PDB file of N, CA and C in Angstrom:
ATOM      1  N   MET A   1     -38.036  20.178 -50.110  1.00  0.00           N
ATOM      2  CA  MET A   1     -37.051  20.176 -49.060  1.00  0.00           C
ATOM      3  C   MET A   1     -36.649  21.607 -48.743  1.00  0.00           C
ATOM      4  N   LYS A   2     -36.516  21.894 -47.479  1.00  0.00           N
ATOM      5  CA  LYS A   2     -36.190  23.244 -47.055  1.00  0.00           C
ATOM      6  C   LYS A   2     -34.751  23.591 -47.446  1.00  0.00           C
ATOM      7  N   GLN A   3     -34.578  24.777 -48.003  1.00  0.00           N
ATOM      8  CA  GLN A   3     -33.254  25.209 -48.409  1.00  0.00           C
ATOM      9  C   GLN A   3     -32.494  25.701 -47.191  1.00  0.00           C
ATOM     10  N   LYS A   4     -31.240  25.306 -47.094  1.00  0.00           N
ATOM     11  CA  LYS A   4     -30.414  25.717 -45.974  1.00  0.00           C
ATOM     12  C   LYS A   4     -29.953  27.153 -46.168  1.00  0.00           C
ATOM     13  N   ARG A   5     -29.952  27.883 -45.080  1.00  0.00           N
ATOM     14  CA  ARG A   5     -29.560  29.284 -45.139  1.00  0.00           C
ATOM     15  C   ARG A   5     -28.039  29.433 -45.171  1.00  0.00           C
ATOM     16  N   PHE A   6     -27.351  28.521 -44.514  1.00  0.00           N
ATOM     17  CA  PHE A   6     -25.901  28.575 -44.444  1.00  0.00           C
ATOM     18  C   PHE A   6     -25.308  27.349 -45.129  1.00  0.00           C
ATOM     19  N   SER A   7     -24.345  27.579 -46.008  1.00  0.00           N
ATOM     20  CA  SER A   7     -23.671  26.464 -46.654  1.00  0.00           C
ATOM     21  C   SER A   7     -22.662  25.871 -45.674  1.00  0.00           C
ATOM     22  N   GLU A   8     -22.256  24.647 -45.944  1.00  0.00           N
ATOM     23  CA  GLU A   8     -21.276  24.013 -45.081  1.00  0.00           C
ATOM     24  C   GLU A   8     -19.965  24.783 -45.076  1.00  0.00           C
ATOM     25  N   GLU A   9     -19.600  25.336 -46.216  1.00  0.00           N
ATOM     26  CA  GLU A   9     -18.367  26.116 -46.301  1.00  0.00           C
ATOM     27  C   GLU A   9     -18.436  27.342 -45.385  1.00  0.00           C
ATOM     28  N   ARG A  10     -19.582  27.990 -45.389  1.00  0.00           N
ATOM     29  CA  ARG A  10     -19.758  29.181 -44.554  1.00  0.00           C
ATOM     30  C   ARG A  10     -19.740  28.816 -43.061  1.00  0.00           C
ATOM     31  N   ILE A  11     -20.366  27.703 -42.733  1.00  0.00           N
ATOM     32  CA  ILE A  11     -20.385  27.248 -41.349  1.00  0.00           C
ATOM     33  C   ILE A  11     -18.978  26.933 -40.873  1.00  0.00           C
ATOM     34  N   ILE A  12     -18.217  26.231 -41.696  1.00  0.00           N
ATOM     35  CA  ILE A  12     -16.855  25.856 -41.316  1.00  0.00           C
ATOM     36  C   ILE A  12     -15.975  27.089 -41.169  1.00  0.00           C
ATOM     37  N   LYS A  13     -16.158  28.072 -42.053  1.00  0.00           N
ATOM     38  CA  LYS A  13     -15.390  29.316 -41.934  1.00  0.00           C
ATOM     39  C   LYS A  13     -15.728  30.015 -40.617  1.00  0.00           C
ATOM     40  N   LEU A  14     -16.991  30.032 -40.248  1.00  0.00           N
ATOM     41  CA  LEU A  14     -17.418  30.639 -38.988  1.00  0.00           C
ATOM     42  C   LEU A  14     -16.792  29.911 -37.799  1.00  0.00           C
ATOM     43  N   LEU A  15     -16.774  28.582 -37.855  1.00  0.00           N
ATOM     44  CA  LEU A  15     -16.168  27.800 -36.775  1.00  0.00           C
ATOM     45  C   LEU A  15     -14.664  28.038 -36.681  1.00  0.00           C
ATOM     46  N   GLN A  16     -14.018  28.157 -37.828  1.00  0.00           N
ATOM     47  CA  GLN A  16     -12.578  28.420 -37.834  1.00  0.00           C
ATOM     48  C   GLN A  16     -12.273  29.818 -37.297  1.00  0.00           C
ATOM     49  N   ASP A  17     -13.110  30.791 -37.641  1.00  0.00           N
ATOM     50  CA  ASP A  17     -12.933  32.149 -37.111  1.00  0.00           C
ATOM     51  C   ASP A  17     -13.092  32.160 -35.593  1.00  0.00           C
ATOM     52  N   ALA A  18     -14.031  31.383 -35.097  1.00  0.00           N
ATOM     53  CA  ALA A  18     -14.247  31.314 -33.650  1.00  0.00           C
ATOM     54  C   ALA A  18     -13.057  30.649 -32.964  1.00  0.00           C
ATOM     55  N   LYS A  19     -12.473  29.671 -33.634  1.00  0.00           N
ATOM     56  CA  LYS A  19     -11.334  28.962 -33.065  1.00  0.00           C
ATOM     57  C   LYS A  19     -10.119  29.880 -32.945  1.00  0.00           C
ATOM     58  N   LYS A  20      -9.989  30.837 -33.871  1.00  0.00           N
ATOM     59  CA  LYS A  20      -8.878  31.784 -33.813  1.00  0.00           C
ATOM     60  C   LYS A  20      -8.940  32.618 -32.543  1.00  0.00           C
ATOM     61  N   GLY A  21     -10.145  32.917 -32.102  1.00  0.00           N
ATOM     62  CA  GLY A  21     -10.324  33.649 -30.857  1.00  0.00           C
ATOM     63  C   GLY A  21     -10.195  35.154 -30.956  1.00  0.00           C
ATOM     64  N   GLU A  22     -10.151  35.688 -32.166  1.00  0.00           N
ATOM     65  CA  GLU A  22     -10.032  37.138 -32.336  1.00  0.00           C
ATOM     66  C   GLU A  22     -11.310  37.857 -31.925  1.00  0.00           C
ATOM     67  N   LYS A  23     -12.444  37.222 -32.145  1.00  0.00           N
ATOM     68  CA  LYS A  23     -13.741  37.789 -31.781  1.00  0.00           C
ATOM     69  C   LYS A  23     -14.486  36.771 -30.942  1.00  0.00           C
ATOM     70  N   SER A  24     -15.414  37.247 -30.150  1.00  0.00           N
ATOM     71  CA  SER A  24     -16.207  36.327 -29.344  1.00  0.00           C
ATOM     72  C   SER A  24     -17.226  35.610 -30.232  1.00  0.00           C
ATOM     73  N   VAL A  25     -17.725  34.516 -29.727  1.00  0.00           N
ATOM     74  CA  VAL A  25     -18.720  33.733 -30.465  1.00  0.00           C
ATOM     75  C   VAL A  25     -19.968  34.573 -30.707  1.00  0.00           C
ATOM     76  N   GLU A  26     -20.353  35.336 -29.707  1.00  0.00           N
ATOM     77  CA  GLU A  26     -21.543  36.179 -29.843  1.00  0.00           C
ATOM     78  C   GLU A  26     -21.378  37.197 -30.964  1.00  0.00           C
ATOM     79  N   GLU A  27     -20.181  37.806 -31.041  1.00  0.00           N
ATOM     80  CA  GLU A  27     -19.924  38.777 -32.117  1.00  0.00           C
ATOM     81  C   GLU A  27     -19.979  38.114 -33.479  1.00  0.00           C
ATOM     82  N   LEU A  28     -19.332  36.966 -33.599  1.00  0.00           N
ATOM     83  CA  LEU A  28     -19.329  36.254 -34.880  1.00  0.00           C
ATOM     84  C   LEU A  28     -20.732  35.867 -35.303  1.00  0.00           C
ATOM     85  N   CYS A  29     -21.531  35.408 -34.334  1.00  0.00           N
ATOM     86  CA  CYS A  29     -22.911  35.013 -34.641  1.00  0.00           C
ATOM     87  C   CYS A  29     -23.741  36.222 -35.055  1.00  0.00           C
ATOM     88  N   ARG A  30     -23.522  37.340 -34.411  1.00  0.00           N
ATOM     89  CA  ARG A  30     -24.267  38.551 -34.759  1.00  0.00           C
ATOM     90  C   ARG A  30     -23.918  38.977 -36.183  1.00  0.00           C
ATOM     91  N   GLU A  31     -22.631  38.946 -36.533  1.00  0.00           N
ATOM     92  CA  GLU A  31     -22.208  39.328 -37.884  1.00  0.00           C
ATOM     93  C   GLU A  31     -22.744  38.368 -38.939  1.00  0.00           C
ATOM     94  N   ALA A  32     -22.770  37.068 -38.596  1.00  0.00           N
ATOM     95  CA  ALA A  32     -23.247  36.065 -39.549  1.00  0.00           C
ATOM     96  C   ALA A  32     -24.758  35.941 -39.542  1.00  0.00           C
ATOM     97  N   GLU A  33     -25.411  36.634 -38.612  1.00  0.00           N
ATOM     98  CA  GLU A  33     -26.866  36.602 -38.463  1.00  0.00           C
ATOM     99  C   GLU A  33     -27.374  35.190 -38.181  1.00  0.00           C
ATOM    100  N   CYS A  34     -26.765  34.563 -37.179  1.00  0.00           N
ATOM    101  CA  CYS A  34     -27.212  33.254 -36.726  1.00  0.00           C
ATOM    102  C   CYS A  34     -27.250  33.271 -35.201  1.00  0.00           C
ATOM    103  N   SER A  35     -27.898  32.279 -34.631  1.00  0.00           N
ATOM    104  CA  SER A  35     -27.991  32.220 -33.175  1.00  0.00           C
ATOM    105  C   SER A  35     -26.803  31.460 -32.598  1.00  0.00           C
ATOM    106  N   THR A  36     -26.541  31.687 -31.320  1.00  0.00           N
ATOM    107  CA  THR A  36     -25.461  30.950 -30.667  1.00  0.00           C
ATOM    108  C   THR A  36     -25.841  29.470 -30.519  1.00  0.00           C
ATOM    109  N   ALA A  37     -27.148  29.186 -30.460  1.00  0.00           N
ATOM    110  CA  ALA A  37     -27.595  27.791 -30.405  1.00  0.00           C
ATOM    111  C   ALA A  37     -27.236  27.072 -31.707  1.00  0.00           C
ATOM    112  N   SER A  38     -27.429  27.738 -32.834  1.00  0.00           N
ATOM    113  CA  SER A  38     -27.048  27.153 -34.122  1.00  0.00           C
ATOM    114  C   SER A  38     -25.545  26.922 -34.162  1.00  0.00           C
ATOM    115  N   PHE A  39     -24.796  27.893 -33.658  1.00  0.00           N
ATOM    116  CA  PHE A  39     -23.341  27.772 -33.617  1.00  0.00           C
ATOM    117  C   PHE A  39     -22.938  26.532 -32.821  1.00  0.00           C
ATOM    118  N   SER A  40     -23.565  26.336 -31.679  1.00  0.00           N
ATOM    119  CA  SER A  40     -23.249  25.176 -30.836  1.00  0.00           C
ATOM    120  C   SER A  40     -23.582  23.865 -31.544  1.00  0.00           C
ATOM    121  N   THR A  41     -24.697  23.857 -32.241  1.00  0.00           N
ATOM    122  CA  THR A  41     -25.096  22.665 -32.996  1.00  0.00           C
ATOM    123  C   THR A  41     -24.079  22.368 -34.093  1.00  0.00           C
ATOM    124  N   TRP A  42     -23.672  23.406 -34.798  1.00  0.00           N
ATOM    125  CA  TRP A  42     -22.688  23.238 -35.872  1.00  0.00           C
ATOM    126  C   TRP A  42     -21.352  22.771 -35.317  1.00  0.00           C
ATOM    127  N   LYS A  43     -20.971  23.308 -34.180  1.00  0.00           N
ATOM    128  CA  LYS A  43     -19.697  22.922 -33.574  1.00  0.00           C
ATOM    129  C   LYS A  43     -19.715  21.453 -33.192  1.00  0.00           C
ATOM    130  N   ALA A  44     -20.855  20.981 -32.670  1.00  0.00           N
ATOM    131  CA  ALA A  44     -20.980  19.572 -32.314  1.00  0.00           C
ATOM    132  C   ALA A  44     -20.962  18.687 -33.568  1.00  0.00           C
ATOM    133  N   LYS A  45     -21.566  19.171 -34.641  1.00  0.00           N
ATOM    134  CA  LYS A  45     -21.669  18.373 -35.856  1.00  0.00           C
ATOM    135  C   LYS A  45     -20.363  18.355 -36.646  1.00  0.00           C
ATOM    136  N   TYR A  46     -19.758  19.522 -36.840  1.00  0.00           N
ATOM    137  CA  TYR A  46     -18.588  19.630 -37.707  1.00  0.00           C
ATOM    138  C   TYR A  46     -17.262  19.614 -36.962  1.00  0.00           C
ATOM    139  N   GLY A  47     -17.237  20.069 -35.713  1.00  0.00           N
ATOM    140  CA  GLY A  47     -16.003  20.060 -34.933  1.00  0.00           C
ATOM    141  C   GLY A  47     -14.892  20.816 -35.626  1.00  0.00           C
ATOM    142  N   ASP A  48     -13.769  20.136 -35.834  1.00  0.00           N
ATOM    143  CA  ASP A  48     -12.611  20.757 -36.480  1.00  0.00           C
ATOM    144  C   ASP A  48     -12.477  20.353 -37.939  1.00  0.00           C
ATOM    145  N   ALA A  49     -13.560  19.975 -38.563  1.00  0.00           N
ATOM    146  CA  ALA A  49     -13.525  19.489 -39.942  1.00  0.00           C
ATOM    147  C   ALA A  49     -13.186  20.614 -40.917  1.00  0.00           C
ATOM    148  N   THR A  50     -12.605  20.211 -42.030  1.00  0.00           N
ATOM    149  CA  THR A  50     -12.331  21.153 -43.109  1.00  0.00           C
ATOM    150  C   THR A  50     -13.411  20.995 -44.169  1.00  0.00           C
ATOM    151  N   VAL A  51     -13.404  21.902 -45.126  1.00  0.00           N
ATOM    152  CA  VAL A  51     -14.399  21.856 -46.205  1.00  0.00           C
ATOM    153  C   VAL A  51     -14.265  20.558 -46.993  1.00  0.00           C
ATOM    154  N   ILE A  52     -13.033  20.150 -47.258  1.00  0.00           N
ATOM    155  CA  ILE A  52     -12.799  18.930 -48.031  1.00  0.00           C
ATOM    156  C   ILE A  52     -13.332  17.711 -47.276  1.00  0.00           C
ATOM    157  N   GLU A  53     -13.098  17.679 -45.961  1.00  0.00           N
ATOM    158  CA  GLU A  53     -13.584  16.555 -45.161  1.00  0.00           C
ATOM    159  C   GLU A  53     -15.107  16.490 -45.153  1.00  0.00           C
ATOM    160  N   THR A  54     -15.771  17.630 -45.066  1.00  0.00           N
ATOM    161  CA  THR A  54     -17.236  17.622 -45.044  1.00  0.00           C
ATOM    162  C   THR A  54     -17.801  17.205 -46.392  1.00  0.00           C
ATOM    163  N   ARG A  55     -17.159  17.612 -47.480  1.00  0.00           N
ATOM    164  CA  ARG A  55     -17.614  17.175 -48.797  1.00  0.00           C
ATOM    165  C   ARG A  55     -17.471  15.669 -48.935  1.00  0.00           C
ATOM    166  N   ARG A  56     -16.343  15.141 -48.462  1.00  0.00           N
ATOM    167  CA  ARG A  56     -16.101  13.706 -48.515  1.00  0.00           C
ATOM    168  C   ARG A  56     -17.122  12.963 -47.654  1.00  0.00           C
ATOM    169  N   LEU A  57     -17.411  13.506 -46.472  1.00  0.00           N
ATOM    170  CA  LEU A  57     -18.412  12.900 -45.592  1.00  0.00           C
ATOM    171  C   LEU A  57     -19.777  12.866 -46.260  1.00  0.00           C
ATOM    172  N   ARG A  58     -20.174  13.973 -46.885  1.00  0.00           N
ATOM    173  CA  ARG A  58     -21.462  14.033 -47.578  1.00  0.00           C
ATOM    174  C   ARG A  58     -21.518  13.003 -48.706  1.00  0.00           C
ATOM    175  N   GLN A  59     -20.402  12.860 -49.428  1.00  0.00           N
ATOM    176  CA  GLN A  59     -20.335  11.880 -50.515  1.00  0.00           C
ATOM    177  C   GLN A  59     -20.466  10.459 -49.960  1.00  0.00           C
ATOM    178  N   LEU A  60     -19.797  10.179 -48.853  1.00  0.00           N
ATOM    179  CA  LEU A  60     -19.880   8.862 -48.245  1.00  0.00           C
ATOM    180  C   LEU A  60     -21.283   8.573 -47.721  1.00  0.00           C
ATOM    181  N   GLU A  61     -21.944   9.586 -47.185  1.00  0.00           N
ATOM    182  CA  GLU A  61     -23.315   9.405 -46.698  1.00  0.00           C
ATOM    183  C   GLU A  61     -24.255   9.065 -47.841  1.00  0.00           C
ATOM    184  N   ARG A  62     -24.084   9.733 -48.990  1.00  0.00           N
ATOM    185  CA  ARG A  62     -24.916   9.425 -50.159  1.00  0.00           C
ATOM    186  C   ARG A  62     -24.669   7.998 -50.642  1.00  0.00           C
ATOM    187  N   GLU A  63     -23.396   7.605 -50.682  1.00  0.00           N
ATOM    188  CA  GLU A  63     -23.044   6.258 -51.115  1.00  0.00           C
ATOM    189  C   GLU A  63     -23.625   5.219 -50.162  1.00  0.00           C
ATOM    190  N   ASN A  64     -23.545   5.485 -48.870  1.00  0.00           N
ATOM    191  CA  ASN A  64     -24.099   4.574 -47.874  1.00  0.00           C
ATOM    192  C   ASN A  64     -25.605   4.431 -48.044  1.00  0.00           C
ATOM    193  N   GLU A  65     -26.296   5.534 -48.288  1.00  0.00           N
ATOM    194  CA  GLU A  65     -27.740   5.503 -48.500  1.00  0.00           C
ATOM    195  C   GLU A  65     -28.093   4.662 -49.724  1.00  0.00           C
ATOM    196  N   ARG A  66     -27.330   4.823 -50.785  1.00  0.00           N
ATOM    197  CA  ARG A  66     -27.561   4.067 -52.014  1.00  0.00           C
ATOM    198  C   ARG A  66     -27.361   2.565 -51.772  1.00  0.00           C
ATOM    199  N   LEU A  67     -26.299   2.219 -51.056  1.00  0.00           N
ATOM    200  CA  LEU A  67     -26.021   0.811 -50.777  1.00  0.00           C
ATOM    201  C   LEU A  67     -27.078   0.195 -49.864  1.00  0.00           C
ATOM    202  N   LEU A  68     -27.557   0.966 -48.890  1.00  0.00           N
ATOM    203  CA  LEU A  68     -28.612   0.464 -48.009  1.00  0.00           C
ATOM    204  C   LEU A  68     -29.891   0.179 -48.789  1.00  0.00           C
ATOM    205  N   LYS A  69     -30.201   1.016 -49.772  1.00  0.00           N
ATOM    206  CA  LYS A  69     -31.370   0.763 -50.620  1.00  0.00           C
ATOM    207  C   LYS A  69     -31.198  -0.522 -51.414  1.00  0.00           C
ATOM    208  N   LEU A  70     -29.986  -0.725 -51.957  1.00  0.00           N
ATOM    209  CA  LEU A  70     -29.727  -1.944 -52.723  1.00  0.00           C
ATOM    210  C   LEU A  70     -29.879  -3.189 -51.854  1.00  0.00           C
ATOM    211  N   VAL A  71     -29.334  -3.132 -50.654  1.00  0.00           N
ATOM    212  CA  VAL A  71     -29.433  -4.278 -49.752  1.00  0.00           C
ATOM    213  C   VAL A  71     -30.893  -4.533 -49.391  1.00  0.00           C
ATOM    214  N   GLY A  72     -31.650  -3.492 -49.150  1.00  0.00           N
ATOM    215  CA  GLY A  72     -33.075  -3.646 -48.838  1.00  0.00           C
ATOM    216  C   GLY A  72     -33.842  -4.293 -49.969  1.00  0.00           C
ATOM    217  N   GLN A  73     -33.547  -3.866 -51.197  1.00  0.00           N
ATOM    218  CA  GLN A  73     -34.220  -4.444 -52.359  1.00  0.00           C
ATOM    219  C   GLN A  73     -33.864  -5.922 -52.511  1.00  0.00           C
ATOM    220  N   GLN A  74     -32.595  -6.245 -52.322  1.00  0.00           N
ATOM    221  CA  GLN A  74     -32.170  -7.638 -52.434  1.00  0.00           C
ATOM    222  C   GLN A  74     -32.834  -8.498 -51.364  1.00  0.00           C
ATOM    223  N   ARG A  75     -32.944  -7.958 -50.163  1.00  0.00           N
ATOM    224  CA  ARG A  75     -33.578  -8.707 -49.077  1.00  0.00           C
ATOM    225  C   ARG A  75     -35.043  -9.001 -49.419  1.00  0.00           C
ATOM    226  N   LEU A  76     -35.746  -8.002 -49.982  1.00  0.00           N
ATOM    227  CA  LEU A  76     -37.145  -8.221 -50.376  1.00  0.00           C
ATOM    228  C   LEU A  76     -37.256  -9.291 -51.462  1.00  0.00           C
ATOM    229  N   GLU A  77     -36.341  -9.240 -52.429  1.00  0.00           N
ATOM    230  CA  GLU A  77     -36.361 -10.238 -53.496  1.00  0.00           C
ATOM    231  C   GLU A  77     -36.113 -11.640 -52.939  1.00  0.00           C
ATOM    232  N   LEU A  78     -35.171 -11.773 -52.022  1.00  0.00           N
ATOM    233  CA  LEU A  78     -34.875 -13.081 -51.428  1.00  0.00           C
ATOM    234  C   LEU A  78     -36.056 -13.617 -50.638  1.00  0.00           C
ATOM    235  N   GLU A  79     -36.706 -12.751 -49.881  1.00  0.00           N
ATOM    236  CA  GLU A  79     -37.873 -13.176 -49.111  1.00  0.00           C
ATOM    237  C   GLU A  79     -38.995 -13.616 -50.041  1.00  0.00           C
ATOM    238  N   GLY A  80     -39.176 -12.900 -51.135  1.00  0.00           N
ATOM    239  CA  GLY A  80     -40.188 -13.278 -52.114  1.00  0.00           C
ATOM    240  C   GLY A  80     -39.893 -14.630 -52.737  1.00  0.00           C
ATOM    241  N   MET A  81     -38.641 -14.867 -53.068  1.00  0.00           N
ATOM    242  CA  MET A  81     -38.248 -16.150 -53.646  1.00  0.00           C
ATOM    243  C   MET A  81     -38.445 -17.285 -52.647  1.00  0.00           C
ATOM    244  N   LYS A  82     -38.126 -17.032 -51.383  1.00  0.00           N
ATOM    245  CA  LYS A  82     -38.311 -18.061 -50.359  1.00  0.00           C
ATOM    246  C   LYS A  82     -39.789 -18.414 -50.207  1.00  0.00           C
ATOM    247  N   GLU A  83     -40.651 -17.402 -50.274  1.00  0.00           N
ATOM    248  CA  GLU A  83     -42.090 -17.660 -50.171  1.00  0.00           C
ATOM    249  C   GLU A  83     -42.576 -18.491 -51.354  1.00  0.00           C
ATOM    250  N   ILE A  84     -42.104 -18.186 -52.529  1.00  0.00           N
ATOM    251  CA  ILE A  84     -42.506 -18.933 -53.722  1.00  0.00           C
ATOM    252  C   ILE A  84     -42.040 -20.387 -53.628  1.00  0.00           C
ATOM    253  N   LEU A  85     -40.779 -20.572 -53.198  1.00  0.00           N
ATOM    254  CA  LEU A  85     -40.257 -21.932 -53.053  1.00  0.00           C
ATOM    255  C   LEU A  85     -41.019 -22.721 -51.974  1.00  0.00           C
ATOM    256  N   ALA A  86     -41.401 -22.046 -50.894  1.00  0.00           N
ATOM    257  CA  ALA A  86     -42.134 -22.710 -49.822  1.00  0.00           C
ATOM    258  C   ALA A  86     -43.518 -23.145 -50.304  1.00  0.00           C
ATOM    259  N   LYS A  87     -44.166 -22.353 -51.171  1.00  0.00           N
ATOM    260  CA  LYS A  87     -45.487 -22.706 -51.696  1.00  0.00           C
ATOM    261  C   LYS A  87     -45.410 -23.891 -52.654  1.00  0.00           C
ATOM    262  N   LYS A  88     -44.310 -24.040 -53.362  1.00  0.00           N
ATOM    263  CA  LYS A  88     -44.172 -25.129 -54.325  1.00  0.00           C
ATOM    264  C   LYS A  88     -44.003 -26.462 -53.641  1.00  0.00           C
ATOM    265  N   ARG A  89     -43.551 -26.495 -52.421  1.00  0.00           N
ATOM    266  CA  ARG A  89     -43.318 -27.752 -51.721  1.00  0.00           C
ATOM    267  C   ARG A  89     -44.540 -28.319 -51.189  1.00  0.00           C
TER     268      ARG A  89
END
């Protein structure tokens, strides 16, 4: 898996600095060595989120992924059982 160049904490700090309005977005991007397109993508993704909120979101996404796998496995088991029961009849 490709390693991310910017951590979520760093991205959020950059977005918060831009929100303050002390420097232009272009200046902030130049200092952080990122493109304005990346900045726009991050702004759309994170918005006004805080570091704590993004960590919680990441945790919820992992939990959701785990639960979806469990449901998928259960569905396969049920379908297998139905096929076995149908063959016995």
